[in-house]
Amino acid sequence: MMNEFEKDVQSKRNDAIDSGIGFVASFGFFITIFVIANVIDLFLG
């Protein structure tokens, strides 16, 4: 007997692609915060 959710899948995309996009998005966010902090430190330092 198969799980009913396995029959009707919402997204057929590869999970690795979604994981990679999530990683890049969060990494980019932290890099942006880091760069902004360094620019502020450069001008105020």
N, C-alpha and C. Protein backbone atom coordinates (compact mmCIF):
# COMPACT_ATOMS: atom_id res chain seq x y z
N MET A 1 0.84 -1.19 0.00
CA MET A 1 0.00 0.00 0.00
C MET A 1 0.88 1.25 0.00
N MET A 2 0.61 2.11 -0.95
CA MET A 2 1.41 3.32 -1.11
C MET A 2 0.79 4.48 -0.35
N ASN A 3 1.63 5.37 0.11
CA ASN A 3 1.16 6.57 0.79
C ASN A 3 0.41 7.45 -0.21
N GLU A 4 -0.73 8.01 0.22
CA GLU A 4 -1.53 8.81 -0.73
C GLU A 4 -0.80 10.06 -1.19
N PHE A 5 0.13 10.56 -0.40
CA PHE A 5 0.87 11.76 -0.78
C PHE A 5 1.93 11.45 -1.83
N GLU A 6 2.37 10.18 -1.90
CA GLU A 6 3.36 9.82 -2.90
C GLU A 6 2.74 9.75 -4.29
N LYS A 7 1.45 9.52 -4.37
CA LYS A 7 0.77 9.44 -5.67
C LYS A 7 0.56 10.82 -6.27
N ASP A 8 0.19 11.78 -5.43
CA ASP A 8 -0.14 13.12 -5.91
C ASP A 8 0.91 14.11 -5.39
N VAL A 9 2.04 14.16 -6.07
CA VAL A 9 3.15 15.01 -5.63
C VAL A 9 2.93 16.42 -6.18
N GLN A 10 3.09 17.42 -5.31
CA GLN A 10 2.88 18.81 -5.74
C GLN A 10 3.99 19.27 -6.67
N SER A 11 5.24 19.00 -6.28
CA SER A 11 6.37 19.49 -7.06
C SER A 11 7.23 18.30 -7.50
N LYS A 12 7.52 18.24 -8.79
CA LYS A 12 8.33 17.14 -9.31
C LYS A 12 9.80 17.56 -9.45
N ARG A 13 10.13 18.79 -8.99
CA ARG A 13 11.51 19.25 -9.12
C ARG A 13 12.42 18.50 -8.17
N ASN A 14 13.70 18.55 -8.48
CA ASN A 14 14.70 17.90 -7.65
C ASN A 14 14.89 18.69 -6.36
N ASP A 15 14.90 18.00 -5.22
CA ASP A 15 15.08 18.68 -3.93
C ASP A 15 16.46 19.30 -3.80
N ALA A 16 17.46 18.71 -4.45
CA ALA A 16 18.81 19.25 -4.36
C ALA A 16 18.88 20.65 -4.96
N ILE A 17 18.12 20.89 -6.02
CA ILE A 17 18.11 22.22 -6.64
C ILE A 17 17.50 23.24 -5.67
N ASP A 18 16.38 22.87 -5.05
CA ASP A 18 15.75 23.78 -4.08
C ASP A 18 16.66 24.03 -2.89
N SER A 19 17.35 23.00 -2.44
CA SER A 19 18.28 23.16 -1.32
C SER A 19 19.42 24.09 -1.70
N GLY A 20 19.91 23.94 -2.91
CA GLY A 20 21.00 24.80 -3.38
C GLY A 20 20.56 26.25 -3.47
N ILE A 21 19.34 26.48 -3.97
CA ILE A 21 18.82 27.84 -4.07
C ILE A 21 18.67 28.45 -2.67
N GLY A 22 18.16 27.66 -1.74
CA GLY A 22 18.02 28.15 -0.36
C GLY A 22 19.36 28.49 0.26
N PHE A 23 20.37 27.63 0.00
CA PHE A 23 21.70 27.89 0.55
C PHE A 23 22.30 29.16 -0.04
N VAL A 24 22.21 29.32 -1.35
CA VAL A 24 22.78 30.50 -2.02
C VAL A 24 22.07 31.77 -1.55
N ALA A 25 20.75 31.70 -1.39
CA ALA A 25 20.00 32.88 -0.95
C ALA A 25 20.41 33.30 0.46
N SER A 26 20.50 32.33 1.39
CA SER A 26 20.89 32.68 2.75
C SER A 26 22.35 33.11 2.80
N PHE A 27 23.22 32.46 2.02
CA PHE A 27 24.63 32.84 1.98
C PHE A 27 24.78 34.26 1.44
N GLY A 28 24.02 34.57 0.38
CA GLY A 28 24.07 35.92 -0.18
C GLY A 28 23.59 36.97 0.80
N PHE A 29 22.56 36.62 1.58
CA PHE A 29 22.06 37.56 2.59
C PHE A 29 23.14 37.87 3.62
N PHE A 30 23.81 36.84 4.14
CA PHE A 30 24.84 37.07 5.16
C PHE A 30 26.06 37.78 4.58
N ILE A 31 26.40 37.49 3.33
CA ILE A 31 27.50 38.22 2.69
C ILE A 31 27.15 39.70 2.56
N THR A 32 25.89 39.99 2.21
CA THR A 32 25.45 41.38 2.08
C THR A 32 25.56 42.10 3.42
N ILE A 33 25.10 41.46 4.49
CA ILE A 33 25.21 42.06 5.82
C ILE A 33 26.67 42.29 6.18
N PHE A 34 27.53 41.32 5.86
CA PHE A 34 28.96 41.41 6.15
C PHE A 34 29.60 42.58 5.41
N VAL A 35 29.26 42.73 4.13
CA VAL A 35 29.83 43.82 3.33
C VAL A 35 29.36 45.17 3.86
N ILE A 36 28.08 45.28 4.18
CA ILE A 36 27.56 46.54 4.72
C ILE A 36 28.26 46.90 6.03
N ALA A 37 28.45 45.91 6.90
CA ALA A 37 29.13 46.16 8.17
C ALA A 37 30.57 46.59 7.94
N ASN A 38 31.25 45.99 6.97
CA ASN A 38 32.63 46.38 6.69
C ASN A 38 32.72 47.78 6.08
N VAL A 39 31.76 48.15 5.24
CA VAL A 39 31.76 49.50 4.66
C VAL A 39 31.54 50.53 5.77
N ILE A 40 30.61 50.25 6.68
CA ILE A 40 30.37 51.16 7.80
C ILE A 40 31.60 51.27 8.66
N ASP A 41 32.26 50.13 8.94
CA ASP A 41 33.48 50.13 9.76
C ASP A 41 34.59 50.91 9.07
N LEU A 42 34.65 50.83 7.75
CA LEU A 42 35.68 51.52 6.99
C LEU A 42 35.51 53.03 7.12
N PHE A 43 34.25 53.51 7.03
CA PHE A 43 34.01 54.95 7.09
C PHE A 43 34.05 55.49 8.51
N LEU A 44 33.65 54.67 9.48
CA LEU A 44 33.62 55.15 10.87
C LEU A 44 34.90 54.81 11.63
N GLY A 45 35.68 53.89 11.09
CA GLY A 45 36.88 53.43 11.79
C GLY A 45 37.95 54.48 11.78
